[in-house]
Amino acid sequence: MSFPRWALIGVNSIFQWLLLGVGLLRIGAGFSDPQGLPFWTALWEQIYAFCLSWLGGFLAVLIPNGLGVRETVLNALLESQLGFAASAAIVISVASRVLLFLAELGWLILALLIKQNPPADQKYS
């Protein structure tokens, strides 16, 4: 694979993690910001928490899709690092999993629709 393609994949990955952090920040905003952190500091902490929880779920190879592991790690980080109440941390971690699942389902449905109806220039005669 060429370097420009690797660079594009890297930039895309960074952008996706940024969006996941923003999503988690917005979900948490519904439960208030217990520490009163500046936006960028709170965003980086949310990205860190999401990345670490995702990695924990990814490394749990015997559990399908890390189900429950990611939520447990995220719940613990939201409580200990970001200062959310236990009940809010549980709701935030489960809500982030549900919203991520719905987003992935939406992309899957879109991909299936595009595959069924390819653009005219890609159809074979």
Protein backbone atom coordinates (compact mmCIF):
# COMPACT_ATOMS: atom_id res chain seq x y z
CA MET A 1 0.00 0.00 0.00
CA SER A 2 1.35 3.41 -0.90
CA PHE A 3 2.23 6.05 1.69
CA PRO A 4 -0.53 8.48 0.59
CA ARG A 5 -3.09 5.74 1.12
CA TRP A 6 -1.67 4.95 4.58
CA ALA A 7 -1.71 8.67 5.41
CA LEU A 8 -5.35 8.94 4.32
CA ILE A 9 -6.28 5.96 6.47
CA GLY A 10 -4.40 7.49 9.43
CA VAL A 11 -6.11 10.87 9.06
CA ASN A 12 -9.48 9.15 8.70
CA SER A 13 -8.87 7.13 11.88
CA ILE A 14 -7.88 10.23 13.85
CA PHE A 15 -10.99 12.03 12.60
CA GLN A 16 -13.20 9.09 13.63
CA TRP A 17 -11.71 8.97 17.13
CA LEU A 18 -12.26 12.72 17.41
CA LEU A 19 -15.91 12.25 16.42
CA LEU A 20 -16.34 9.40 18.92
CA GLY A 21 -14.89 11.64 21.65
CA VAL A 22 -17.23 14.47 20.69
CA GLY A 23 -20.16 12.03 20.75
CA LEU A 24 -19.22 10.82 24.22
CA LEU A 25 -18.74 14.43 25.35
CA ARG A 26 -22.21 15.35 24.06
CA ILE A 27 -23.82 12.33 25.74
CA GLY A 28 -22.08 13.25 29.00
CA ALA A 29 -23.19 16.87 28.65
CA GLY A 30 -26.74 15.70 29.31
CA PHE A 31 -25.58 14.72 32.78
CA SER A 32 -23.60 17.96 33.34
CA ASP A 33 -19.87 18.49 33.46
CA PRO A 34 -18.95 17.61 37.04
CA GLN A 35 -15.42 19.03 36.87
CA GLY A 36 -16.15 22.17 34.85
CA LEU A 37 -13.24 21.47 32.51
CA PRO A 38 -12.48 23.62 29.46
CA PHE A 39 -13.90 22.15 26.25
CA TRP A 40 -10.62 20.89 24.76
CA THR A 41 -9.45 19.32 28.01
CA ALA A 42 -12.79 17.59 28.48
CA LEU A 43 -12.75 16.46 24.85
CA TRP A 44 -9.27 14.90 25.13
CA GLU A 45 -10.25 13.14 28.34
CA GLN A 46 -13.40 11.78 26.69
CA ILE A 47 -11.39 10.58 23.67
CA TYR A 48 -8.89 8.93 26.02
CA ALA A 49 -11.68 7.19 27.96
CA PHE A 50 -13.39 5.99 24.80
CA CYS A 51 -10.13 4.75 23.22
CA LEU A 52 -9.08 2.89 26.35
CA SER A 53 -12.50 1.28 26.74
CA TRP A 54 -12.59 0.34 23.05
CA LEU A 55 -9.14 -1.23 23.37
CA GLY A 56 -10.27 -3.19 26.44
CA GLY A 57 -13.24 -4.54 24.51
CA PHE A 58 -11.06 -5.32 21.50
CA LEU A 59 -8.56 -7.28 23.60
CA ALA A 60 -11.32 -9.39 25.18
CA VAL A 61 -11.05 -11.89 22.33
CA LEU A 62 -13.32 -14.53 23.86
CA ILE A 63 -16.22 -12.10 24.25
CA PRO A 64 -18.04 -11.18 21.02
CA ASN A 65 -17.33 -7.54 20.16
CA GLY A 66 -16.13 -6.99 23.74
CA LEU A 67 -19.76 -6.77 24.82
CA GLY A 68 -19.88 -5.61 28.42
CA VAL A 69 -16.11 -5.19 28.72
CA ARG A 70 -16.06 -1.85 26.92
CA GLU A 71 -18.97 -0.57 28.96
CA THR A 72 -17.36 -1.67 32.23
CA VAL A 73 -14.05 0.01 31.42
CA LEU A 74 -15.78 3.19 30.21
CA ASN A 75 -18.00 3.22 33.28
CA ALA A 76 -14.97 2.96 35.57
CA LEU A 77 -13.12 5.73 33.70
CA LEU A 78 -16.12 8.05 33.69
CA GLU A 79 -16.45 7.62 37.44
CA SER A 80 -12.81 7.72 38.49
CA GLN A 81 -11.22 10.05 35.92
CA LEU A 82 -14.05 12.36 34.92
CA GLY A 83 -16.02 12.48 38.16
CA PHE A 84 -19.43 11.35 36.95
CA ALA A 85 -21.86 9.77 39.40
CA ALA A 86 -22.09 5.98 39.17
CA SER A 87 -25.62 6.03 37.75
CA ALA A 88 -24.73 8.64 35.11
CA ALA A 89 -21.58 6.74 34.14
CA ILE A 90 -23.59 3.57 33.55
CA VAL A 91 -26.15 5.35 31.40
CA ILE A 92 -23.45 7.17 29.40
CA SER A 93 -21.45 4.00 28.73
CA VAL A 94 -24.49 1.99 27.62
CA ALA A 95 -25.86 4.89 25.56
CA SER A 96 -22.53 5.26 23.76
CA ARG A 97 -22.58 1.53 22.87
CA VAL A 98 -26.18 1.71 21.61
CA LEU A 99 -25.51 4.83 19.52
CA LEU A 100 -22.33 3.34 18.07
CA PHE A 101 -24.26 0.18 17.17
CA LEU A 102 -26.99 2.23 15.49
CA ALA A 103 -24.41 4.23 13.54
CA GLU A 104 -22.70 1.03 12.34
CA LEU A 105 -26.07 -0.44 11.40
CA GLY A 106 -26.87 2.69 9.40
CA TRP A 107 -23.59 2.40 7.48
CA LEU A 108 -24.26 -1.29 6.83
CA ILE A 109 -27.72 -0.56 5.45
CA LEU A 110 -26.31 2.24 3.27
CA ALA A 111 -23.59 -0.10 1.94
CA LEU A 112 -26.16 -2.78 1.13
CA LEU A 113 -28.35 -0.25 -0.68
CA ILE A 114 -25.41 1.03 -2.71
CA LYS A 115 -24.34 -2.52 -3.56
CA GLN A 116 -27.85 -3.37 -4.81
CA ASN A 117 -28.04 -0.21 -6.93
CA PRO A 118 -24.54 0.63 -8.17
CA PRO A 119 -24.05 3.88 -10.10
CA ALA A 120 -24.75 3.65 -13.83
CA ASP A 121 -21.05 3.83 -14.82
CA GLN A 122 -20.26 0.72 -12.74
CA LYS A 123 -23.04 -1.51 -14.10
CA TYR A 124 -22.04 -4.27 -16.43
CA SER A 125 -23.93 -4.79 -19.68
